[in-house]
Amino acid sequence: MPLRAVLFDLDGTLADSHELVIVSFLAAFEREGFVVTREAVAAAIGHPIPRHGADGCRRRRCGADRSPWQCIRGALPRA
């Protein structure tokens, strides 16, 4: 199978994406119908994902039997 994409983490090394992360989170929350303040998002950045309730959102959105990677893979075409 040919390579279709390469993902890598450059945050903090080649780029400072803190503001972009905040804007991305705000857009994603809005799209899903959640009202979240910029301050709340900024305060949450850097904490482990389960602390944010991501597991509950995944189960609600994708189903309890699907792995996080299956959910991400299903969401990428919408991004």
N, C-alpha and C. Protein backbone atom coordinates (compact mmCIF):
# COMPACT_ATOMS: atom_id res chain seq x y z
N MET A 1 0.85 -1.17 0.00
CA MET A 1 0.00 0.00 0.00
C MET A 1 0.90 1.24 0.00
N PRO A 2 0.66 2.19 -0.89
CA PRO A 2 1.49 3.39 -0.93
C PRO A 2 1.25 4.27 0.30
N LEU A 3 2.27 4.99 0.68
CA LEU A 3 2.18 5.91 1.80
C LEU A 3 1.29 7.09 1.42
N ARG A 4 0.27 7.37 2.24
CA ARG A 4 -0.67 8.45 1.94
C ARG A 4 -0.45 9.68 2.80
N ALA A 5 0.18 9.50 3.95
CA ALA A 5 0.39 10.64 4.84
C ALA A 5 1.51 10.33 5.83
N VAL A 6 2.12 11.38 6.31
CA VAL A 6 3.12 11.27 7.36
C VAL A 6 2.74 12.27 8.44
N LEU A 7 2.63 11.80 9.66
CA LEU A 7 2.32 12.66 10.79
C LEU A 7 3.52 12.72 11.71
N PHE A 8 3.85 13.89 12.19
CA PHE A 8 4.93 14.02 13.14
C PHE A 8 4.63 15.18 14.08
N ASP A 9 5.28 15.17 15.22
CA ASP A 9 5.06 16.18 16.24
C ASP A 9 6.18 17.21 16.17
N LEU A 10 5.85 18.43 15.77
CA LEU A 10 6.87 19.47 15.70
C LEU A 10 6.64 20.56 16.73
N ASP A 11 5.58 20.41 17.51
CA ASP A 11 5.22 21.43 18.49
C ASP A 11 6.30 21.61 19.54
N GLY A 12 6.69 22.83 19.72
CA GLY A 12 7.70 23.14 20.72
C GLY A 12 9.12 22.99 20.22
N THR A 13 9.28 22.40 19.06
CA THR A 13 10.62 22.25 18.50
C THR A 13 10.80 23.15 17.28
N LEU A 14 9.94 23.00 16.30
CA LEU A 14 10.02 23.83 15.10
C LEU A 14 8.96 24.93 15.06
N ALA A 15 7.92 24.77 15.84
CA ALA A 15 6.82 25.75 15.83
C ALA A 15 6.20 25.85 17.22
N ASP A 16 5.72 27.03 17.53
CA ASP A 16 4.98 27.23 18.77
C ASP A 16 3.51 27.31 18.40
N SER A 17 2.82 26.20 18.57
CA SER A 17 1.44 26.10 18.10
C SER A 17 0.41 26.28 19.20
N HIS A 18 0.80 26.82 20.34
CA HIS A 18 -0.12 26.94 21.48
C HIS A 18 -1.43 27.63 21.07
N GLU A 19 -1.33 28.77 20.41
CA GLU A 19 -2.55 29.50 20.01
C GLU A 19 -3.36 28.71 18.98
N LEU A 20 -2.69 28.03 18.07
CA LEU A 20 -3.40 27.22 17.09
C LEU A 20 -4.13 26.05 17.74
N VAL A 21 -3.54 25.48 18.78
CA VAL A 21 -4.20 24.40 19.51
C VAL A 21 -5.47 24.93 20.16
N ILE A 22 -5.39 26.09 20.78
CA ILE A 22 -6.57 26.69 21.41
C ILE A 22 -7.67 26.92 20.39
N VAL A 23 -7.33 27.53 19.28
CA VAL A 23 -8.32 27.82 18.23
C VAL A 23 -8.91 26.53 17.69
N SER A 24 -8.09 25.50 17.50
CA SER A 24 -8.58 24.22 17.00
C SER A 24 -9.55 23.56 17.97
N PHE A 25 -9.20 23.58 19.25
CA PHE A 25 -10.09 23.00 20.27
C PHE A 25 -11.41 23.76 20.31
N LEU A 26 -11.36 25.09 20.28
CA LEU A 26 -12.59 25.88 20.32
C LEU A 26 -13.48 25.56 19.13
N ALA A 27 -12.89 25.42 17.94
CA ALA A 27 -13.68 25.09 16.75
C ALA A 27 -14.28 23.70 16.86
N ALA A 28 -13.51 22.74 17.36
CA ALA A 28 -14.02 21.37 17.50
C ALA A 28 -15.15 21.31 18.53
N PHE A 29 -14.98 21.97 19.67
CA PHE A 29 -16.04 21.99 20.67
C PHE A 29 -17.30 22.64 20.12
N GLU A 30 -17.15 23.75 19.40
CA GLU A 30 -18.31 24.43 18.83
C GLU A 30 -19.03 23.53 17.83
N ARG A 31 -18.27 22.84 17.00
CA ARG A 31 -18.87 21.95 16.00
C ARG A 31 -19.68 20.83 16.66
N GLU A 32 -19.24 20.39 17.83
CA GLU A 32 -19.93 19.32 18.55
C GLU A 32 -21.01 19.85 19.49
N GLY A 33 -21.21 21.16 19.51
CA GLY A 33 -22.28 21.74 20.31
C GLY A 33 -21.92 22.08 21.74
N PHE A 34 -20.62 22.12 22.06
CA PHE A 34 -20.19 22.47 23.42
C PHE A 34 -19.77 23.93 23.47
N VAL A 35 -20.12 24.61 24.54
CA VAL A 35 -19.68 25.98 24.76
C VAL A 35 -18.54 25.95 25.77
N VAL A 36 -17.36 26.35 25.33
CA VAL A 36 -16.16 26.31 26.17
C VAL A 36 -15.43 27.63 26.02
N THR A 37 -14.92 28.16 27.11
CA THR A 37 -14.18 29.42 27.04
C THR A 37 -12.73 29.19 26.61
N ARG A 38 -12.15 30.22 26.05
CA ARG A 38 -10.73 30.19 25.66
C ARG A 38 -9.86 29.88 26.88
N GLU A 39 -10.21 30.47 28.01
CA GLU A 39 -9.44 30.27 29.24
C GLU A 39 -9.48 28.80 29.69
N ALA A 40 -10.64 28.17 29.58
CA ALA A 40 -10.77 26.76 29.97
C ALA A 40 -9.92 25.87 29.08
N VAL A 41 -9.92 26.16 27.78
CA VAL A 41 -9.11 25.37 26.85
C VAL A 41 -7.63 25.57 27.16
N ALA A 42 -7.22 26.82 27.34
CA ALA A 42 -5.80 27.12 27.61
C ALA A 42 -5.34 26.43 28.89
N ALA A 43 -6.19 26.40 29.90
CA ALA A 43 -5.82 25.77 31.18
C ALA A 43 -5.73 24.25 31.06
N ALA A 44 -6.42 23.66 30.10
CA ALA A 44 -6.46 22.21 29.96
C ALA A 44 -5.33 21.65 29.10
N ILE A 45 -4.69 22.48 28.33
CA ILE A 45 -3.64 22.01 27.43
C ILE A 45 -2.48 21.43 28.23
N GLY A 46 -2.04 20.24 27.82
CA GLY A 46 -0.90 19.60 28.45
C GLY A 46 -1.24 18.53 29.45
N HIS A 47 -2.52 18.37 29.77
CA HIS A 47 -2.94 17.33 30.71
C HIS A 47 -3.21 16.03 29.96
N PRO A 48 -3.13 14.88 30.62
CA PRO A 48 -3.43 13.60 29.96
C PRO A 48 -4.84 13.59 29.38
N ILE A 49 -5.02 12.98 28.23
CA ILE A 49 -6.30 12.97 27.53
C ILE A 49 -7.45 12.42 28.37
N PRO A 50 -7.30 11.31 29.11
CA PRO A 50 -8.45 10.82 29.89
C PRO A 50 -8.98 11.86 30.87
N ARG A 51 -8.14 12.75 31.33
CA ARG A 51 -8.57 13.78 32.27
C ARG A 51 -9.59 14.72 31.63
N HIS A 52 -9.59 14.85 30.34
CA HIS A 52 -10.49 15.75 29.64
C HIS A 52 -11.83 15.11 29.32
N GLY A 53 -12.00 13.87 29.67
CA GLY A 53 -13.26 13.20 29.35
C GLY A 53 -13.31 12.68 27.93
N ALA A 54 -12.16 12.54 27.29
CA ALA A 54 -12.13 12.09 25.91
C ALA A 54 -12.70 10.70 25.75
N ASP A 55 -12.48 9.84 26.75
CA ASP A 55 -13.01 8.48 26.65
C ASP A 55 -14.53 8.48 26.59
N GLY A 56 -15.16 9.31 27.40
CA GLY A 56 -16.62 9.40 27.38
C GLY A 56 -17.13 9.96 26.07
N CYS A 57 -16.46 10.97 25.54
CA CYS A 57 -16.85 11.53 24.25
C CYS A 57 -16.70 10.50 23.14
N ARG A 58 -15.61 9.73 23.20
CA ARG A 58 -15.39 8.71 22.18
C ARG A 58 -16.50 7.67 22.21
N ARG A 59 -16.86 7.22 23.41
CA ARG A 59 -17.92 6.21 23.52
C ARG A 59 -19.24 6.77 22.99
N ARG A 60 -19.52 8.02 23.30
CA ARG A 60 -20.77 8.63 22.85
C ARG A 60 -20.77 8.80 21.33
N ARG A 61 -19.65 9.22 20.79
CA ARG A 61 -19.56 9.54 19.36
C ARG A 61 -19.33 8.31 18.49
N CYS A 62 -18.48 7.39 18.95
CA CYS A 62 -18.02 6.29 18.10
C CYS A 62 -18.51 4.92 18.54
N GLY A 63 -18.95 4.80 19.77
CA GLY A 63 -19.35 3.50 20.29
C GLY A 63 -18.29 2.92 21.20
N ALA A 64 -18.72 2.24 22.22
CA ALA A 64 -17.80 1.73 23.24
C ALA A 64 -16.87 0.65 22.70
N ASP A 65 -17.27 -0.01 21.63
CA ASP A 65 -16.46 -1.13 21.12
C ASP A 65 -15.37 -0.69 20.15
N ARG A 66 -15.28 0.59 19.84
CA ARG A 66 -14.27 1.07 18.89
C ARG A 66 -13.08 1.66 19.61
N SER A 67 -11.91 1.44 19.06
CA SER A 67 -10.68 1.97 19.66
C SER A 67 -10.56 3.46 19.36
N PRO A 68 -9.73 4.18 20.13
CA PRO A 68 -9.51 5.59 19.83
C PRO A 68 -9.01 5.80 18.40
N TRP A 69 -8.16 4.90 17.91
CA TRP A 69 -7.62 5.07 16.56
C TRP A 69 -8.71 4.91 15.50
N GLN A 70 -9.68 4.04 15.74
CA GLN A 70 -10.79 3.90 14.79
C GLN A 70 -11.61 5.18 14.74
N CYS A 71 -11.79 5.81 15.88
CA CYS A 71 -12.55 7.06 15.92
C CYS A 71 -11.79 8.18 15.22
N ILE A 72 -10.48 8.26 15.47
CA ILE A 72 -9.68 9.29 14.82
C ILE A 72 -9.69 9.08 13.32
N ARG A 73 -9.51 7.84 12.91
CA ARG A 73 -9.49 7.53 11.47
C ARG A 73 -10.81 7.93 10.82
N GLY A 74 -11.92 7.71 11.51
CA GLY A 74 -13.22 8.09 10.98
C GLY A 74 -13.43 9.59 10.94
N ALA A 75 -12.74 10.33 11.80
CA ALA A 75 -12.92 11.78 11.87
C ALA A 75 -12.02 12.53 10.90
N LEU A 76 -10.90 11.94 10.50
CA LEU A 76 -9.95 12.66 9.66
C LEU A 76 -10.53 13.18 8.35
N PRO A 77 -11.37 12.44 7.63
CA PRO A 77 -11.90 13.00 6.39
C PRO A 77 -12.73 14.26 6.60
N ARG A 78 -13.28 14.44 7.80
CA ARG A 78 -14.08 15.63 8.09
C ARG A 78 -13.22 16.82 8.43
N ALA A 79 -11.97 16.57 8.78
CA ALA A 79 -11.10 17.66 9.25
C ALA A 79 -10.73 18.58 8.11
